[in-house]
Amino acid sequence: MLRDPRFDRTRLWSAGRLPGQLIAILAVFAVAALAIWLGVRRYAPQLEWSLVRQHPWFWAAVMVAYPVLSVYPQGLLYRAFFFERYAGLFPGKWAMVVASAAAFAFLHIVFRNSLAVWLTFAGGLLFAARYAETGSLATSSFEHALYGCFLFTVGLGQYFYAGTIAAVGAVVRR
């Protein structure tokens, strides 16, 4: 993308569209976050706020590192690159959004649980639609970080990490 003279590089870091989208992002997030929290409270009360309560320093580290080390790179790949590279394969905006969300969800099969796949497909639809609407990776990444940080906070983070992060969590617990 950086070598393509036709690609508008400002799409990668410009947050100029975020202020105009903030109310819509926060309104949808409020409804989704309430539904997710109620689901955790009802179906997995032992997980509710567990990372925050049991490992507050690790949770704080995740809140800082996750947007930078996970959200933005995923946005580069599954939104900016995907939309730029494969736009010609899909007949319209919504086909592109669904394909991006499916690719994003497919990445999450590495966590070996259907909850991660389904939640990332739903989130992927939202983040890809926001990217398609705004052309701003910063805006869609802000939204992605909001949901991801909330999932870790509410107690569902264990469904979205494995291996290295689990090992870091074990070290923090000591």
Protein backbone atom coordinates (compact mmCIF):
# COMPACT_ATOMS: atom_id res chain seq x y z
CA MET A 1 0.00 0.00 0.00
CA LEU A 2 2.83 2.37 0.84
CA ARG A 3 4.39 1.84 -2.59
CA ASP A 4 1.12 2.30 -4.48
CA PRO A 5 0.96 5.95 -5.58
CA ARG A 6 -2.84 5.70 -5.92
CA PHE A 7 -3.33 4.70 -2.28
CA ASP A 8 -4.20 7.61 -0.01
CA ARG A 9 -1.81 7.11 2.92
CA THR A 10 -3.75 9.50 5.12
CA ARG A 11 -6.34 6.71 5.47
CA LEU A 12 -3.82 4.90 7.69
CA TRP A 13 -3.53 7.49 10.46
CA SER A 14 -5.88 10.40 9.94
CA ALA A 15 -8.46 10.63 12.72
CA GLY A 16 -10.25 13.52 11.03
CA ARG A 17 -13.45 11.50 10.56
CA LEU A 18 -13.60 10.31 14.18
CA PRO A 19 -15.30 13.38 15.72
CA GLY A 20 -18.17 13.15 13.24
CA GLN A 21 -18.61 9.43 13.97
CA LEU A 22 -18.13 9.51 17.74
CA ILE A 23 -21.79 9.80 18.75
CA ALA A 24 -22.81 6.94 16.44
CA ILE A 25 -19.90 4.78 17.61
CA LEU A 26 -20.68 5.37 21.28
CA ALA A 27 -24.44 4.85 20.84
CA VAL A 28 -23.99 1.45 19.19
CA PHE A 29 -21.29 0.56 21.72
CA ALA A 30 -23.56 1.42 24.67
CA VAL A 31 -26.25 -0.98 23.44
CA ALA A 32 -23.78 -3.73 22.53
CA ALA A 33 -21.79 -3.38 25.76
CA LEU A 34 -24.97 -3.62 27.83
CA ALA A 35 -26.02 -6.77 25.95
CA ILE A 36 -22.57 -8.33 26.31
CA TRP A 37 -22.38 -7.48 30.02
CA LEU A 38 -25.87 -8.91 30.64
CA GLY A 39 -24.86 -12.06 28.74
CA VAL A 40 -21.75 -12.50 30.86
CA ARG A 41 -23.72 -11.78 34.04
CA ARG A 42 -26.36 -14.36 33.09
CA TYR A 43 -24.30 -17.14 31.47
CA ALA A 44 -20.82 -16.78 32.99
CA PRO A 45 -21.07 -14.78 36.23
CA GLN A 46 -17.76 -16.22 37.43
CA LEU A 47 -16.04 -14.33 34.59
CA GLU A 48 -17.68 -10.95 35.21
CA TRP A 49 -14.93 -8.32 35.68
CA SER A 50 -12.54 -11.18 36.59
CA LEU A 51 -9.39 -9.78 34.94
CA VAL A 52 -9.88 -6.34 36.50
CA ARG A 53 -10.52 -7.79 39.95
CA GLN A 54 -7.89 -10.52 39.98
CA HIS A 55 -5.07 -8.93 37.94
CA PRO A 56 -5.54 -5.15 37.76
CA TRP A 57 -1.97 -4.45 36.60
CA PHE A 58 -2.18 -7.02 33.85
CA TRP A 59 -5.56 -5.61 32.83
CA ALA A 60 -4.05 -2.10 32.69
CA ALA A 61 -1.19 -3.39 30.52
CA VAL A 62 -3.72 -5.00 28.16
CA MET A 63 -5.68 -1.73 27.94
CA VAL A 64 -2.53 0.06 26.76
CA ALA A 65 -0.92 -2.65 24.63
CA TYR A 66 -3.98 -4.17 22.94
CA PRO A 67 -4.89 -1.15 20.79
CA VAL A 68 -1.30 -0.68 19.61
CA LEU A 69 -0.08 -4.26 19.25
CA SER A 70 -3.29 -5.97 18.16
CA VAL A 71 -6.03 -3.60 16.99
CA TYR A 72 -4.04 -1.39 14.65
CA PRO A 73 -2.14 -4.25 12.94
CA GLN A 74 -5.41 -6.15 12.46
CA GLY A 75 -6.99 -3.00 11.04
CA LEU A 76 -4.10 -2.62 8.61
CA LEU A 77 -4.55 -6.17 7.38
CA TYR A 78 -8.31 -6.77 7.52
CA ARG A 79 -9.53 -3.30 6.63
CA ALA A 80 -6.95 -1.10 4.86
CA PHE A 81 -5.07 -3.83 2.97
CA PHE A 82 -8.09 -6.05 2.40
CA PHE A 83 -10.21 -3.20 1.02
CA GLU A 84 -7.36 -1.94 -1.17
CA ARG A 85 -6.24 -5.29 -2.49
CA TYR A 86 -9.53 -7.14 -2.99
CA ALA A 87 -12.04 -4.40 -3.83
CA GLY A 88 -12.20 -5.59 -7.44
CA LEU A 89 -13.37 -9.05 -6.39
CA PHE A 90 -16.55 -7.91 -4.66
CA PRO A 91 -19.54 -6.32 -6.38
CA GLY A 92 -20.30 -3.65 -3.80
CA LYS A 93 -19.64 -2.12 -0.43
CA TRP A 94 -21.63 -4.66 1.59
CA ALA A 95 -20.07 -7.68 -0.10
CA MET A 96 -16.69 -6.18 0.74
CA VAL A 97 -17.74 -5.57 4.34
CA VAL A 98 -18.97 -9.16 4.78
CA ALA A 99 -15.82 -10.59 3.17
CA SER A 100 -13.61 -8.47 5.41
CA ALA A 101 -15.56 -9.54 8.50
CA ALA A 102 -15.35 -13.20 7.48
CA ALA A 103 -11.59 -12.98 6.98
CA PHE A 104 -11.24 -11.19 10.33
CA ALA A 105 -13.34 -13.85 12.09
CA PHE A 106 -11.42 -16.65 10.40
CA LEU A 107 -8.20 -15.32 11.95
CA HIS A 108 -9.72 -15.94 15.38
CA ILE A 109 -10.13 -19.70 14.88
CA VAL A 110 -6.64 -19.94 16.41
CA PHE A 111 -8.31 -19.41 19.80
CA ARG A 112 -10.28 -22.64 19.30
CA ASN A 113 -13.64 -21.42 20.53
CA SER A 114 -16.74 -20.42 18.64
CA LEU A 115 -17.43 -17.38 20.83
CA ALA A 116 -14.27 -15.67 19.59
CA VAL A 117 -15.18 -16.40 15.97
CA TRP A 118 -18.80 -15.22 16.24
CA LEU A 119 -18.00 -12.09 18.24
CA THR A 120 -15.22 -11.14 15.84
CA PHE A 121 -17.50 -11.70 12.86
CA ALA A 122 -20.08 -9.34 14.38
CA GLY A 123 -17.37 -6.86 15.32
CA GLY A 124 -15.76 -7.28 11.92
CA LEU A 125 -19.02 -6.27 10.23
CA LEU A 126 -19.13 -3.15 12.37
CA PHE A 127 -15.46 -2.20 11.93
CA ALA A 128 -15.43 -2.89 8.18
CA ALA A 129 -18.64 -0.92 7.66
CA ARG A 130 -17.13 1.99 9.59
CA TYR A 131 -13.97 1.80 7.49
CA ALA A 132 -16.00 1.63 4.27
CA GLU A 133 -18.06 4.63 5.38
CA THR A 134 -15.20 6.82 6.60
CA GLY A 135 -12.10 5.58 4.80
CA SER A 136 -10.32 6.11 8.12
CA LEU A 137 -8.35 3.31 9.74
CA ALA A 138 -7.96 5.43 12.88
CA THR A 139 -11.74 5.69 13.22
CA SER A 140 -12.41 1.97 12.71
CA SER A 141 -9.45 1.12 14.97
CA PHE A 142 -10.84 3.34 17.73
CA GLU A 143 -14.11 1.42 17.52
CA HIS A 144 -12.30 -1.94 17.45
CA ALA A 145 -10.21 -0.96 20.51
CA LEU A 146 -13.33 0.14 22.37
CA TYR A 147 -15.00 -3.25 21.94
CA GLY A 148 -11.85 -5.27 22.48
CA CYS A 149 -10.91 -3.46 25.67
CA PHE A 150 -14.47 -3.87 26.91
CA LEU A 151 -14.40 -7.63 26.24
CA PHE A 152 -11.22 -7.95 28.30
CA THR A 153 -12.71 -5.75 31.02
CA VAL A 154 -16.07 -7.51 31.29
CA GLY A 155 -14.39 -10.90 31.60
CA LEU A 156 -14.40 -12.42 28.10
CA GLY A 157 -10.72 -11.79 27.41
CA GLN A 158 -9.84 -15.41 28.07
CA TYR A 159 -11.60 -16.30 24.83
CA PHE A 160 -9.33 -13.95 22.86
CA TYR A 161 -5.84 -14.83 23.95
CA ALA A 162 -3.70 -17.90 24.19
CA GLY A 163 -0.10 -18.93 24.40
CA THR A 164 2.16 -15.95 24.94
CA ILE A 165 -0.38 -13.72 26.61
CA ALA A 166 -1.54 -16.55 28.86
CA ALA A 167 2.10 -17.08 29.88
CA VAL A 168 2.49 -13.38 30.64
CA GLY A 169 -0.70 -13.57 32.72
CA ALA A 170 0.78 -16.50 34.67
CA VAL A 171 3.91 -14.44 35.41
CA VAL A 172 1.80 -11.50 36.58
CA ARG A 173 -0.15 -13.79 38.94
CA ARG A 174 3.06 -14.83 40.74
